[in-house]
Each structure stands twice: as structure tokens, then as C-alpha cells.
Amino acid sequence: MIHTSQFRYKLKLLIIFFRIVTGAIFVFSGFVKGLDLLGSAIKFDDYFVAFGMDFLIPVSLPLVIFLVSTEFIIGISLLFGFRTYWGAWGVLIFMTAFTPLTLGLALFNPVSDCGCFGDAIVLTNWQTFWKNVVLMIMVLVIFDYRKKFKPAYPAITDWSILIVIFVLFTGFSLYNYHHLPIIDFRPYNAGTNIPEKMYIPPDAPVDEYETVLIYEKDGIRKEFDLDNFPWQDSTWSFVEQKSILIKEGYKPPIHDFTITTQDSNEITDIVLSDESYSFVLVSSDLAKADKEALQKLDTLSLYCNQTGIKFYSLSSSVYSEIEQIKTSQQLSLNFYITDETTLKTIIRSNPGLLLLKEGIILAKWHYNDLPEIKEIRKSVLSMVIKKARQRHERTSAIISVLVLFLGVSVFEITRNSLVKFRG
């Protein structure tokens, strides 16, 4: 009897542990994706293209908003015991849908990573799949014991809390979308020294390739390596040679940042080594850029030209399209070319604005928060300090609330879990 009681108690603790861990993972995953809805939508676009479902791209953002908020609320349900029975159903549906998907990603590698933790934690496709396998085991246990969890409060209270949290979190996510992520996990966050993050140490590992030689005989093609190819056998005819990457070398955090002129002259070093302040307009796709914001930035560029402040405009659009848009919108901006993916990574805004000095990103603005000329006229430095202080205060406030929330949560979860489970 004693051994049976001890076993049941340990099983009870294990099930509660599974519930808390699974809930915490879903809350964290939903939170980091809610910080960057646009980045998550871009990842969904990659999925749709990879699986031949391009027609779904227009609904990627609404789909992301719904899935991210749902994922977050499922995590809250499991973590705090709000309608855990339904939370168990929700997490099972999620894992049943996404575990086979991640297996397909691991096998065929149509996208580089799943984006399940946004840019906060980047996993390979195989790491994601095995993470989901472990998580699925915990989810199946939670689902099997779903009727054992007592509701935290009466049904109306539980559902009201979940609905309020769902609405608040959706609003939080939309705030980050219409401005900039309050926490930026990408390599181009404010304060980043771009040249430092582009640096490759002399002793860093380099990419390793295997050379494959393809020969043909009697209509049949065969691959050979450099040690056994039939160079003396005239019955084989050489077709082609290819190099296969077998081991990737060191890749710096920023490895694809270049700025080129219309004549294909690279000016990256000139921009990054400039010791004066430089504003940089960023538009990944000029045709889709907010027109009103482009007009404001055009006015800002004219002011900068008059006052000696450098102003660069970057886009991935082709020059013919750029000139057409400049003519139709009467813009005087002088554009340079940068890779589209890089521009989307730099700032989640189209257009967006950076302030650089010696390659250091001093400040970033969404087009909804562009600085006024009168602010710049007072002092660029004071504006940067003000921007940095506001960013620090906002981030500190949010982190403080989250830490307090986490502390109270851990206490409540530990105190209540043992009495809310019918062991």
C-alpha cells in the first residue's frame, strides 16, 4: 500500500511537471512570435512557397495572428490550470498537426528552420522534429489524464480570464506589428556594431566541399569522387563536375549585408566606416512601401542634404521599378541595392529608418514613428539619447512585469498544482 501510494504521488508530480513544461514552452513560443508577427508571416510565406500553396500568402498574416494567440492561450491554460481539459485538447491538435509537418521539413529541408521560437532560438529542422517528439510524449500523457485536472475557478471565470488574455495578447502582438518589436532578437537590433558582427576570425573553420564528377556510359550517368573516376577508360565520357557542401564553416551573425550602386559598385565599407551620422531608409519592396511614409522620408532626405547629414536609401527593387515609383510619387531619393531578405531582417517596417554612425545602429524607426525634422534640427545626438532612453524604459518595464508575473506564477503553480489534480 505504501509503495502504491508513493508511486501514485510520483506519477502525480510527473504529470504536473509535464503540464507545466508544455504550458511554458507554448507560452514562450507564442510570446516570441507575437513580438514579431511580420517575421512569422514571412516564415509562413516560405512554407506556402515550398509546398506550392502560394495562393495562401495573402492570408498569412491573419493566420499567424490567430495561431500565435491560440498557441499562447493554450500555454496559459496548461500553465495555470484554466480549463486544462480543453487546453489538453488544444495542445494535442497543435502537436498532431505540426509534428508530421516538422518531419517533412527535416526530411526534405524546403526551409532552413521552422521558426517555432522566432528569432529567439533558432533550431535546425531535425532539432525541431526531435523537440516535437519529446513534447508529443508529454502531450499524450497530459491528454490521457486531462479529466484528472481540477478547474482553477468556475467555468465562467476561467473562460473570462482566457478570453481577456487572448484579446490582450493579440493587442500586444498588433502593437509590435504596427511599431517595432519591443524586444529584437535579430542581429540588427539597436546598438549593433555591424562591422563587428560581419568579422570572420582568421582561424575560423571554412566550408568543406566534396567534388563529384559525373560520367556517362551507354546512356547511364554515374557519380565518382576524385579518387576513383574513370579517367583512363575511354568508354566513359565526362558530363559535369559539381561541389557538394559537406560541412559548413563559421558564419558570422551578419554575413549577407552589401550595398551596391546602379553600376554594381559596392559601397558597403564607405557607409559603415562613415564617422558622421547617417540616416538609412530601408524598403525591402518599394512597390509595397507605405506611400505617405515615403513622402515624409523624402522630405527628411532633402533636409539632410541641406544640412550635411548623409542619407542613404536601400531597396531590393530593380532600378527600372525604382525610377518608375520615384516619378509617379515625385520622390528625389537616391536608391542603392541590398538583398531583400537582408532588408526584411534589418527592420520589420516597409519603409523603415535607421540612424548609423561608424557602422553602429544608433536608432531604428517604424514608418508609424518617424522622427520629425524639428527633433533632428535640435540635435541628432540628443534625439538618439532620448530614443535609447525610451526604448530602455519601455523594455525594462515590460521585463519587470514579466519577471513579477513569472515569480507569482511559479509560486501559484507550485502551491496549487498538487491540490488541483485528482491523483
Protein backbone atom coordinates (compact mmCIF):
# COMPACT_ATOMS: atom_id res chain seq x y z
CA MET A 1 0.00 0.00 0.00
CA ILE A 2 2.84 2.38 0.89
CA HIS A 3 4.64 1.62 -2.37
CA THR A 4 1.43 2.15 -4.33
CA SER A 5 0.84 5.48 -2.62
CA GLN A 6 4.41 6.60 -3.32
CA PHE A 7 4.10 5.55 -6.96
CA ARG A 8 0.85 7.48 -7.38
CA TYR A 9 2.41 10.55 -5.76
CA LYS A 10 5.46 10.41 -8.05
CA LEU A 11 3.21 9.89 -11.07
CA LYS A 12 1.18 12.89 -9.97
CA LEU A 13 4.32 15.03 -9.77
CA LEU A 14 5.47 13.79 -13.20
CA ILE A 15 2.15 14.65 -14.85
CA ILE A 16 2.13 18.10 -13.24
CA PHE A 17 5.73 18.58 -14.42
CA PHE A 18 4.73 17.65 -17.98
CA ARG A 19 1.81 20.09 -17.85
CA ILE A 20 3.94 22.98 -16.57
CA VAL A 21 6.80 22.36 -19.03
CA THR A 22 4.44 22.01 -22.00
CA GLY A 23 2.49 25.11 -20.98
CA ALA A 24 5.69 27.12 -20.50
CA ILE A 25 7.00 26.08 -23.94
CA PHE A 26 3.75 27.10 -25.62
CA VAL A 27 3.66 30.43 -23.75
CA PHE A 28 7.28 31.18 -24.67
CA SER A 29 6.80 30.12 -28.29
CA GLY A 30 3.66 32.21 -28.67
CA PHE A 31 5.25 35.20 -26.92
CA VAL A 32 8.40 35.39 -29.07
CA LYS A 33 6.36 35.00 -32.26
CA GLY A 34 3.91 37.63 -31.01
CA LEU A 35 6.86 40.01 -30.71
CA ASP A 36 7.44 39.70 -34.44
CA LEU A 37 4.24 38.93 -36.35
CA LEU A 38 5.76 40.12 -39.61
CA GLY A 39 8.71 37.77 -39.24
CA SER A 40 6.34 34.88 -38.52
CA ALA A 41 4.24 35.83 -41.56
CA ILE A 42 7.39 35.84 -43.71
CA LYS A 43 8.18 32.33 -42.44
CA PHE A 44 4.64 31.20 -43.31
CA ASP A 45 5.16 32.65 -46.80
CA ASP A 46 8.27 30.46 -47.10
CA TYR A 47 6.18 27.45 -46.11
CA PHE A 48 3.47 28.24 -48.65
CA VAL A 49 6.01 28.69 -51.46
CA ALA A 50 7.86 25.49 -50.50
CA PHE A 51 4.66 23.43 -50.52
CA GLY A 52 3.20 25.01 -53.66
CA MET A 53 0.45 26.89 -51.82
CA ASP A 54 1.29 30.42 -52.95
CA PHE A 55 -2.42 31.28 -53.05
CA LEU A 56 -2.41 31.32 -49.22
CA ILE A 57 0.23 34.08 -48.98
CA PRO A 58 -2.39 36.89 -48.78
CA VAL A 59 -3.84 35.33 -45.60
CA SER A 60 -0.50 34.54 -43.93
CA LEU A 61 -0.65 37.50 -41.52
CA PRO A 62 -4.24 36.88 -40.26
CA LEU A 63 -3.39 33.19 -39.96
CA VAL A 64 -0.26 33.97 -37.95
CA ILE A 65 -2.16 36.32 -35.61
CA PHE A 66 -4.77 33.63 -34.90
CA LEU A 67 -2.29 30.75 -34.48
CA VAL A 68 0.15 32.70 -32.31
CA SER A 69 -2.58 33.95 -29.97
CA THR A 70 -4.13 30.47 -29.83
CA GLU A 71 -0.75 28.90 -29.05
CA PHE A 72 -0.18 31.43 -26.27
CA ILE A 73 -3.62 30.88 -24.73
CA ILE A 74 -3.21 27.09 -24.83
CA GLY A 75 0.04 27.54 -22.91
CA ILE A 76 -1.69 29.78 -20.36
CA SER A 77 -4.46 27.20 -19.97
CA LEU A 78 -1.99 24.41 -19.20
CA LEU A 79 0.35 26.51 -17.10
CA PHE A 80 -2.26 27.99 -14.77
CA GLY A 81 -4.95 25.35 -14.90
CA PHE A 82 -7.60 27.43 -16.67
CA ARG A 83 -9.87 24.86 -18.36
CA THR A 84 -6.99 22.37 -18.58
CA TYR A 85 -9.32 19.78 -20.11
CA TRP A 86 -9.77 21.97 -23.20
CA GLY A 87 -6.13 23.06 -23.09
CA ALA A 88 -5.17 19.38 -23.39
CA TRP A 89 -7.35 19.07 -26.48
CA GLY A 90 -5.83 22.23 -27.96
CA VAL A 91 -2.23 21.16 -27.40
CA LEU A 92 -2.95 17.70 -28.83
CA ILE A 93 -4.44 19.21 -32.00
CA PHE A 94 -1.47 21.56 -32.36
CA MET A 95 1.12 18.81 -31.91
CA THR A 96 -0.76 16.35 -34.12
CA ALA A 97 -0.72 18.91 -36.93
CA PHE A 98 2.82 20.22 -36.57
CA THR A 99 4.82 17.10 -35.66
CA PRO A 100 4.32 15.45 -39.10
CA LEU A 101 4.98 18.84 -40.70
CA THR A 102 8.33 19.17 -38.93
CA LEU A 103 9.23 15.63 -40.00
CA GLY A 104 8.62 16.66 -43.61
CA LEU A 105 10.77 19.75 -43.09
CA ALA A 106 13.56 17.62 -41.62
CA LEU A 107 13.46 15.09 -44.46
CA PHE A 108 13.17 17.45 -47.42
CA ASN A 109 14.53 20.71 -45.94
CA PRO A 110 12.38 23.12 -48.01
CA VAL A 111 13.06 25.91 -45.49
CA SER A 112 16.15 26.40 -43.34
CA ASP A 113 14.36 26.43 -39.97
CA CYS A 114 10.78 26.13 -38.77
CA GLY A 115 10.69 29.43 -36.87
CA CYS A 116 8.90 27.79 -33.93
CA PHE A 117 10.70 30.09 -31.48
CA GLY A 118 11.00 33.06 -33.83
CA ASP A 119 14.50 34.54 -33.87
CA ALA A 120 14.95 33.98 -30.12
CA ILE A 121 16.09 30.36 -30.51
CA VAL A 122 16.91 29.06 -33.97
CA LEU A 123 16.75 25.28 -34.31
CA THR A 124 17.59 23.08 -37.26
CA ASN A 125 14.72 21.14 -38.79
CA TRP A 126 15.89 17.89 -37.21
CA GLN A 127 16.28 19.54 -33.80
CA THR A 128 12.74 20.86 -34.13
CA PHE A 129 11.38 17.44 -35.04
CA TRP A 130 13.00 15.68 -32.07
CA LYS A 131 11.88 18.50 -29.80
CA ASN A 132 8.34 17.86 -31.01
CA VAL A 133 8.69 14.10 -30.46
CA VAL A 134 9.65 14.66 -26.81
CA LEU A 135 6.91 17.25 -26.44
CA MET A 136 4.37 14.90 -28.05
CA ILE A 137 5.13 12.24 -25.42
CA MET A 138 4.36 14.74 -22.66
CA VAL A 139 1.25 15.93 -24.50
CA LEU A 140 -0.11 12.38 -24.80
CA VAL A 141 0.31 11.87 -21.06
CA ILE A 142 -1.40 15.19 -20.33
CA PHE A 143 -4.24 14.32 -22.68
CA ASP A 144 -4.68 10.87 -21.12
CA TYR A 145 -5.04 12.44 -17.66
CA ARG A 146 -6.96 15.52 -18.81
CA LYS A 147 -10.02 14.68 -16.70
CA LYS A 148 -7.90 14.50 -13.56
CA PHE A 149 -7.11 18.22 -13.51
CA LYS A 150 -9.48 20.31 -11.43
CA PRO A 151 -10.58 23.67 -12.92
CA ALA A 152 -8.86 26.67 -11.36
CA TYR A 153 -12.13 28.58 -10.98
CA PRO A 154 -15.77 28.23 -12.03
CA ALA A 155 -16.22 27.83 -15.79
CA ILE A 156 -17.42 31.40 -16.39
CA THR A 157 -14.39 32.80 -14.54
CA ASP A 158 -11.89 30.55 -16.31
CA TRP A 159 -13.27 31.33 -19.76
CA SER A 160 -13.46 35.06 -19.00
CA ILE A 161 -9.81 35.09 -17.94
CA LEU A 162 -8.74 33.18 -21.06
CA ILE A 163 -10.73 35.47 -23.37
CA VAL A 164 -9.30 38.61 -21.76
CA ILE A 165 -5.74 37.25 -22.01
CA PHE A 166 -6.37 36.25 -25.65
CA VAL A 167 -7.57 39.77 -26.52
CA LEU A 168 -4.75 41.49 -24.59
CA PHE A 169 -2.07 39.30 -26.15
CA THR A 170 -3.48 39.85 -29.63
CA GLY A 171 -3.37 43.59 -28.97
CA PHE A 172 0.21 43.27 -27.71
CA SER A 173 1.18 41.42 -30.90
CA LEU A 174 -0.50 44.00 -33.12
CA TYR A 175 1.30 46.80 -31.27
CA ASN A 176 4.63 45.17 -32.14
CA TYR A 177 3.48 44.79 -35.74
CA HIS A 178 2.45 48.43 -36.15
CA HIS A 179 5.62 49.72 -34.48
CA LEU A 180 8.79 47.68 -33.94
CA PRO A 181 9.30 44.59 -31.74
CA ILE A 182 9.87 45.77 -28.17
CA ILE A 183 12.48 43.01 -27.86
CA ASP A 184 14.54 42.48 -31.00
CA PHE A 185 16.31 39.12 -31.30
CA ARG A 186 17.66 39.74 -34.80
CA PRO A 187 21.33 40.63 -35.48
CA TYR A 188 20.44 44.21 -36.49
CA ASN A 189 18.96 45.41 -33.19
CA ALA A 190 19.66 48.94 -31.95
CA GLY A 191 23.20 49.20 -30.58
CA THR A 192 24.60 46.64 -33.03
CA ASN A 193 28.05 47.25 -34.47
CA ILE A 194 27.54 45.86 -37.97
CA PRO A 195 31.27 45.56 -38.93
CA GLU A 196 31.96 43.61 -35.73
CA LYS A 197 29.16 41.17 -36.48
CA MET A 198 30.48 40.74 -40.03
CA TYR A 199 34.01 39.91 -38.85
CA ILE A 200 35.36 36.42 -39.55
CA PRO A 201 38.34 35.38 -37.35
CA PRO A 202 41.43 34.25 -39.30
CA ASP A 203 41.35 30.80 -37.69
CA ALA A 204 37.61 30.29 -38.20
CA PRO A 205 36.54 27.00 -39.83
CA VAL A 206 35.80 27.29 -43.54
CA ASP A 207 33.23 25.48 -45.65
CA GLU A 208 34.27 21.99 -46.70
CA TYR A 209 33.17 20.68 -50.08
CA GLU A 210 33.31 17.33 -51.82
CA THR A 211 33.96 17.31 -55.56
CA VAL A 212 31.72 14.97 -57.53
CA LEU A 213 32.50 14.04 -61.13
CA ILE A 214 29.66 12.82 -63.33
CA TYR A 215 30.47 10.49 -66.23
CA GLU A 216 28.19 8.79 -68.73
CA LYS A 217 28.42 5.37 -70.37
CA ASP A 218 25.81 3.71 -72.60
CA GLY A 219 23.30 6.40 -71.66
CA ILE A 220 23.77 5.81 -67.93
CA ARG A 221 25.21 8.53 -65.72
CA LYS A 222 27.24 7.75 -62.62
CA GLU A 223 28.88 9.86 -59.93
CA PHE A 224 32.54 9.44 -58.96
CA ASP A 225 34.83 11.10 -56.44
CA LEU A 226 38.35 12.31 -57.20
CA ASP A 227 39.92 9.01 -56.11
CA ASN A 228 38.08 6.62 -58.39
CA PHE A 229 36.86 8.41 -61.52
CA PRO A 230 37.47 6.55 -64.84
CA TRP A 231 39.89 8.99 -66.39
CA GLN A 232 41.72 6.24 -68.30
CA ASP A 233 38.59 4.47 -69.53
CA SER A 234 37.60 5.93 -72.89
CA THR A 235 34.20 4.25 -72.76
CA TRP A 236 33.14 6.81 -70.14
CA SER A 237 32.53 10.38 -71.21
CA PHE A 238 32.74 13.31 -68.79
CA VAL A 239 29.46 15.20 -68.28
CA GLU A 240 29.93 17.69 -65.47
CA GLN A 241 31.55 18.46 -62.14
CA LYS A 242 29.78 19.71 -59.03
CA SER A 243 30.75 20.61 -55.49
CA ILE A 244 28.67 19.42 -52.53
CA LEU A 245 28.86 21.17 -49.17
CA ILE A 246 29.63 18.50 -46.58
CA LYS A 247 30.48 20.72 -43.60
CA GLU A 248 29.54 24.36 -43.13
CA GLY A 249 32.22 26.65 -41.79
CA TYR A 250 31.91 29.62 -39.46
CA LYS A 251 29.19 32.05 -40.44
CA PRO A 252 29.19 35.45 -38.70
CA PRO A 253 25.88 36.78 -37.33
CA ILE A 254 25.77 39.25 -40.25
CA HIS A 255 27.06 37.63 -43.43
CA ASP A 256 24.90 38.96 -46.25
CA PHE A 257 24.96 42.74 -45.87
CA THR A 258 26.08 44.57 -49.01
CA ILE A 259 25.20 47.91 -50.60
CA THR A 260 25.74 48.37 -54.33
CA THR A 261 25.15 51.19 -56.78
CA GLN A 262 23.28 51.01 -60.07
CA ASP A 263 26.63 50.27 -61.74
CA SER A 264 27.22 47.30 -59.37
CA ASN A 265 29.90 49.15 -57.41
CA GLU A 266 29.91 48.13 -53.76
CA ILE A 267 29.86 50.97 -51.21
CA THR A 268 29.28 48.89 -48.06
CA ASP A 269 32.59 49.86 -46.44
CA ILE A 270 32.06 53.54 -47.25
CA VAL A 271 28.70 53.57 -45.47
CA LEU A 272 29.83 51.52 -42.47
CA SER A 273 33.05 53.45 -41.91
CA ASP A 274 31.44 56.90 -42.07
CA GLU A 275 32.26 58.71 -38.81
CA SER A 276 29.36 61.14 -39.15
CA TYR A 277 25.67 60.46 -38.58
CA SER A 278 23.88 58.76 -41.47
CA PHE A 279 20.20 58.08 -41.95
CA VAL A 280 19.36 54.92 -43.87
CA LEU A 281 15.96 54.37 -45.46
CA VAL A 282 15.14 50.66 -45.76
CA SER A 283 12.49 49.35 -48.15
CA SER A 284 12.51 45.65 -48.97
CA ASP A 285 9.92 46.17 -51.72
CA LEU A 286 9.43 49.75 -52.86
CA ALA A 287 6.17 48.97 -54.67
CA LYS A 288 4.62 47.83 -51.37
CA ALA A 289 6.08 50.62 -49.23
CA ASP A 290 3.73 52.99 -47.42
CA LYS A 291 3.37 55.99 -49.74
CA GLU A 292 2.77 58.58 -47.03
CA ALA A 293 5.87 57.41 -45.19
CA LEU A 294 7.94 57.65 -48.39
CA GLN A 295 6.86 61.28 -48.75
CA LYS A 296 7.93 62.02 -45.17
CA LEU A 297 11.27 60.32 -45.72
CA ASP A 298 11.77 62.19 -48.98
CA THR A 299 11.28 65.46 -47.09
CA LEU A 300 13.71 64.26 -44.44
CA SER A 301 16.32 63.38 -47.08
CA LEU A 302 16.06 66.88 -48.59
CA TYR A 303 16.60 68.39 -45.15
CA CYS A 304 19.61 66.11 -44.57
CA ASN A 305 21.12 67.11 -47.92
CA GLN A 306 20.78 70.78 -46.97
CA THR A 307 22.37 70.29 -43.54
CA GLY A 308 25.19 67.92 -44.50
CA ILE A 309 23.75 64.79 -42.91
CA LYS A 310 24.25 61.66 -45.02
CA PHE A 311 21.08 59.93 -46.21
CA TYR A 312 21.11 56.56 -47.94
CA SER A 313 18.12 54.72 -49.38
CA LEU A 314 18.23 50.93 -49.71
CA SER A 315 15.87 48.67 -51.62
CA SER A 316 15.88 45.31 -53.37
CA SER A 317 13.66 46.54 -56.20
CA VAL A 318 15.13 46.71 -59.70
CA TYR A 319 16.21 50.16 -60.88
CA SER A 320 13.57 50.42 -63.59
CA GLU A 321 10.85 49.89 -60.99
CA ILE A 322 12.54 52.31 -58.60
CA GLU A 323 12.65 55.05 -61.23
CA GLN A 324 9.02 54.45 -62.13
CA ILE A 325 7.94 54.78 -58.49
CA LYS A 326 10.11 57.85 -57.97
CA THR A 327 8.49 59.51 -60.97
CA SER A 328 4.92 58.60 -60.04
CA GLN A 329 5.35 59.70 -56.41
CA GLN A 330 7.68 62.62 -57.20
CA LEU A 331 10.48 61.36 -54.96
CA SER A 332 14.03 62.66 -55.03
CA LEU A 333 15.51 59.74 -53.08
CA ASN A 334 18.71 58.16 -54.40
CA PHE A 335 18.49 54.38 -54.02
CA TYR A 336 21.12 51.68 -53.62
CA ILE A 337 20.58 47.94 -53.83
CA THR A 338 20.62 45.45 -50.94
CA ASP A 339 19.30 41.89 -50.73
CA GLU A 340 15.57 41.67 -49.97
CA THR A 341 15.90 39.10 -47.18
CA THR A 342 18.59 41.21 -45.53
CA LEU A 343 16.39 44.31 -45.63
CA LYS A 344 13.47 42.41 -44.10
CA THR A 345 15.79 41.20 -41.36
CA ILE A 346 17.20 44.66 -40.65
CA ILE A 347 13.83 46.21 -39.81
CA ARG A 348 10.23 45.00 -39.70
CA SER A 349 8.86 48.03 -41.49
CA ASN A 350 8.42 48.99 -45.13
CA PRO A 351 9.78 51.59 -45.24
CA GLY A 352 11.84 51.83 -42.08
CA LEU A 353 14.58 54.19 -40.96
CA LEU A 354 17.97 53.64 -39.29
CA LEU A 355 20.48 56.04 -37.82
CA LEU A 356 24.09 54.88 -38.25
CA LYS A 357 27.44 56.15 -37.02
CA GLU A 358 30.62 54.22 -37.85
CA GLY A 359 28.52 51.18 -38.67
CA ILE A 360 26.70 51.20 -35.32
CA ILE A 361 22.90 51.20 -35.40
CA LEU A 362 22.03 54.01 -33.01
CA ALA A 363 18.28 54.02 -33.55
CA LYS A 364 15.52 52.41 -35.62
CA TRP A 365 12.07 53.74 -36.56
CA HIS A 366 8.94 52.11 -37.91
CA TYR A 367 7.20 54.27 -40.51
CA ASN A 368 4.46 54.93 -37.95
CA ASP A 369 7.03 56.51 -35.60
CA LEU A 370 9.30 58.51 -37.91
CA PRO A 371 11.18 61.40 -36.25
CA GLU A 372 10.10 64.93 -37.02
CA ILE A 373 12.55 67.32 -38.66
CA LYS A 374 12.27 69.67 -35.69
CA GLU A 375 13.62 66.87 -33.46
CA ILE A 376 16.60 66.38 -35.74
CA ARG A 377 17.15 70.13 -36.00
CA LYS A 378 17.65 70.38 -32.23
CA SER A 379 20.31 67.70 -32.07
CA VAL A 380 20.76 64.32 -33.65
CA LEU A 381 22.68 63.12 -30.59
CA SER A 382 20.03 64.23 -28.10
CA MET A 383 17.40 62.57 -30.26
CA VAL A 384 19.36 59.32 -30.19
CA ILE A 385 19.79 59.51 -26.42
CA LYS A 386 16.08 60.19 -25.98
CA LYS A 387 15.20 57.30 -28.28
CA ALA A 388 17.55 54.94 -26.45
CA ARG A 389 16.19 56.02 -23.06
CA GLN A 390 12.60 55.48 -24.18
CA ARG A 391 13.48 52.07 -25.58
CA HIS A 392 15.30 51.11 -22.38
CA GLU A 393 12.46 52.31 -20.14
CA ARG A 394 9.85 50.51 -22.22
CA THR A 395 11.81 47.26 -22.36
CA SER A 396 12.70 47.44 -18.65
CA ALA A 397 9.07 47.99 -17.70
CA ILE A 398 7.92 45.02 -19.75
CA ILE A 399 10.68 42.76 -18.44
CA SER A 400 9.90 43.82 -14.85
CA VAL A 401 6.23 42.98 -15.32
CA LEU A 402 7.13 39.64 -16.89
CA VAL A 403 9.56 38.76 -14.07
CA LEU A 404 6.96 39.69 -11.44
CA PHE A 405 4.33 37.74 -13.32
CA LEU A 406 6.67 34.75 -13.60
CA GLY A 407 7.52 34.85 -9.89
CA VAL A 408 3.89 34.94 -8.82
CA SER A 409 3.08 32.28 -11.38
CA VAL A 410 5.73 29.86 -10.15
CA PHE A 411 4.52 30.31 -6.58
CA GLU A 412 0.86 29.79 -7.51
CA ILE A 413 1.58 26.86 -9.78
CA THR A 414 3.68 25.12 -7.12
CA ARG A 415 1.11 25.78 -4.39
CA ASN A 416 -2.00 24.86 -6.34
CA SER A 417 -0.90 22.09 -8.68
CA LEU A 418 -0.78 19.39 -6.01
CA VAL A 419 -4.34 20.10 -4.89
CA LYS A 420 -5.82 20.56 -8.37
CA PHE A 421 -5.01 17.10 -9.61
CA ARG A 422 -7.08 14.07 -8.67
CA GLY A 423 -4.25 11.60 -8.26
